[in-house]
Amino acid sequence: MTDIQLNLIVIRSIDVEKSIKFYRLLGLNFIEHRHGGGLEHYASQLGQLTFEIYPHTAPVEASAMTRLGFQVLDLEATIIQLQQEDITIVQQPTASEWGLTAIVADPDGNKIELTQVE
């Protein structure tokens, strides 16, 4: 067992408001935040983990090397909400050893794994 814990994830978004809306559909709550003279961004506290969305000023391709994952209470309801907002469903819900799992793309094209633990 290690004493190291992941405590921060920062993503950059070309359209911060659209990203905030997407992640709110997953159940995250955000506050506006600024460190000193730094960029205004949005932060969500998930237990001991802080998830932040910063603005990105130049278009870039989403990274295929990183995937975020979130547990949701009701995967089917979440997928329906996302579809109503024209969010790309990369992989429809399927049973896995971790529970019911789907993959969606956030507004910047990052792949997000959603899991409903059974």
Protein backbone atom coordinates (compact mmCIF):
# COMPACT_ATOMS: atom_id res chain seq x y z
CA MET A 1 0.00 0.00 0.00
CA THR A 2 1.29 3.45 -0.86
CA ASP A 3 0.68 6.75 0.85
CA ILE A 4 0.48 8.57 -2.49
CA GLN A 5 -3.00 9.58 -3.65
CA LEU A 6 -4.12 11.31 -6.82
CA ASN A 7 -5.51 14.70 -5.76
CA LEU A 8 -5.70 16.84 -8.92
CA ILE A 9 -6.81 16.49 -12.53
CA VAL A 10 -6.68 19.52 -14.81
CA ILE A 11 -8.12 19.58 -18.31
CA ARG A 12 -8.07 22.43 -20.81
CA SER A 13 -11.14 23.24 -22.87
CA ILE A 14 -11.68 25.30 -26.00
CA ASP A 15 -15.26 25.97 -24.85
CA VAL A 16 -15.26 26.02 -21.04
CA GLU A 17 -19.01 26.70 -20.72
CA LYS A 18 -19.85 23.70 -22.92
CA SER A 19 -17.48 21.51 -20.91
CA ILE A 20 -18.96 22.70 -17.61
CA LYS A 21 -22.43 21.79 -18.90
CA PHE A 22 -21.19 18.32 -19.97
CA TYR A 23 -19.53 17.52 -16.64
CA ARG A 24 -22.53 18.87 -14.70
CA LEU A 25 -24.66 16.31 -16.55
CA LEU A 26 -22.39 13.67 -14.98
CA GLY A 27 -23.12 15.11 -11.53
CA LEU A 28 -20.13 17.39 -10.89
CA ASN A 29 -20.63 20.78 -9.25
CA PHE A 30 -18.25 23.62 -10.05
CA ILE A 31 -17.16 26.88 -8.49
CA GLU A 32 -15.29 29.65 -10.26
CA HIS A 33 -11.74 29.86 -9.04
CA ARG A 34 -8.53 31.83 -9.60
CA HIS A 35 -5.10 31.34 -8.01
CA GLY A 36 -3.51 34.77 -7.53
CA GLY A 37 -3.11 36.36 -10.96
CA GLY A 38 -3.71 33.08 -12.82
CA LEU A 39 -6.47 32.22 -15.26
CA GLU A 40 -10.06 32.03 -14.10
CA HIS A 41 -11.12 28.39 -14.14
CA TYR A 42 -13.70 26.05 -12.64
CA ALA A 43 -13.08 23.53 -9.89
CA SER A 44 -15.08 20.55 -8.63
CA GLN A 45 -14.24 18.67 -5.44
CA LEU A 46 -14.68 14.88 -5.70
CA GLY A 47 -13.71 13.49 -2.30
CA GLN A 48 -9.98 14.21 -1.99
CA LEU A 49 -9.66 14.88 -5.73
CA THR A 50 -9.98 18.32 -7.31
CA PHE A 51 -11.08 18.33 -10.96
CA GLU A 52 -10.38 21.62 -12.75
CA ILE A 53 -11.30 22.97 -16.17
CA TYR A 54 -9.11 25.74 -17.55
CA PRO A 55 -9.63 27.62 -20.80
CA HIS A 56 -7.42 26.67 -23.74
CA THR A 57 -6.83 29.40 -26.26
CA ALA A 58 -5.55 27.43 -29.27
CA PRO A 59 -7.38 24.49 -30.86
CA VAL A 60 -5.72 21.15 -30.21
CA GLU A 61 -6.72 17.56 -30.80
CA ALA A 62 -7.98 15.58 -27.85
CA SER A 63 -5.44 13.19 -26.42
CA ALA A 64 -6.02 9.52 -27.10
CA MET A 65 -3.41 8.74 -24.46
CA THR A 66 -5.52 9.71 -21.46
CA ARG A 67 -9.00 8.62 -20.46
CA LEU A 68 -11.03 9.90 -17.55
CA GLY A 69 -13.55 7.72 -15.76
CA PHE A 70 -16.50 8.60 -13.56
CA GLN A 71 -18.92 6.43 -11.61
CA VAL A 72 -22.53 7.46 -12.12
CA LEU A 73 -25.63 6.36 -10.23
CA ASP A 74 -27.80 5.62 -13.28
CA LEU A 75 -25.90 5.04 -16.52
CA GLU A 76 -28.97 4.73 -18.76
CA ALA A 77 -30.43 8.03 -17.50
CA THR A 78 -27.04 9.72 -17.89
CA ILE A 79 -26.70 8.48 -21.49
CA ILE A 80 -30.20 9.75 -22.32
CA GLN A 81 -29.32 13.20 -20.91
CA LEU A 82 -26.07 13.28 -22.87
CA GLN A 83 -27.79 12.26 -26.11
CA GLN A 84 -30.30 15.09 -25.64
CA GLU A 85 -27.32 17.46 -25.58
CA ASP A 86 -25.84 15.92 -28.78
CA ILE A 87 -22.89 14.40 -26.92
CA THR A 88 -21.13 11.65 -28.88
CA ILE A 89 -21.64 8.18 -27.44
CA VAL A 90 -18.48 6.30 -28.41
CA GLN A 91 -19.56 2.96 -26.90
CA GLN A 92 -23.09 2.17 -25.78
CA PRO A 93 -23.53 0.71 -22.26
CA THR A 94 -22.23 -2.84 -21.96
CA ALA A 95 -21.71 -5.18 -19.03
CA SER A 96 -18.13 -5.43 -17.81
CA GLU A 97 -16.37 -6.86 -14.80
CA TRP A 98 -16.61 -3.39 -13.18
CA GLY A 99 -20.34 -2.94 -13.84
CA LEU A 100 -22.33 -1.37 -16.66
CA THR A 101 -19.90 0.78 -18.69
CA ALA A 102 -20.13 3.25 -21.59
CA ILE A 103 -17.69 5.60 -23.27
CA VAL A 104 -18.62 9.11 -24.35
CA ALA A 105 -16.67 12.06 -25.75
CA ASP A 106 -16.64 15.36 -23.91
CA PRO A 107 -17.00 18.61 -25.91
CA ASP A 108 -13.24 18.65 -26.59
CA GLY A 109 -13.21 15.04 -27.82
CA ASN A 110 -11.66 13.46 -24.71
CA LYS A 111 -12.93 9.94 -24.10
CA ILE A 112 -14.78 9.62 -20.80
CA GLU A 113 -15.62 6.22 -19.35
CA LEU A 114 -18.85 6.09 -17.35
CA THR A 115 -19.50 3.18 -15.02
CA GLN A 116 -22.56 2.24 -12.99
CA VAL A 117 -21.40 -0.04 -10.21
CA GLU A 118 -23.93 -2.76 -9.57
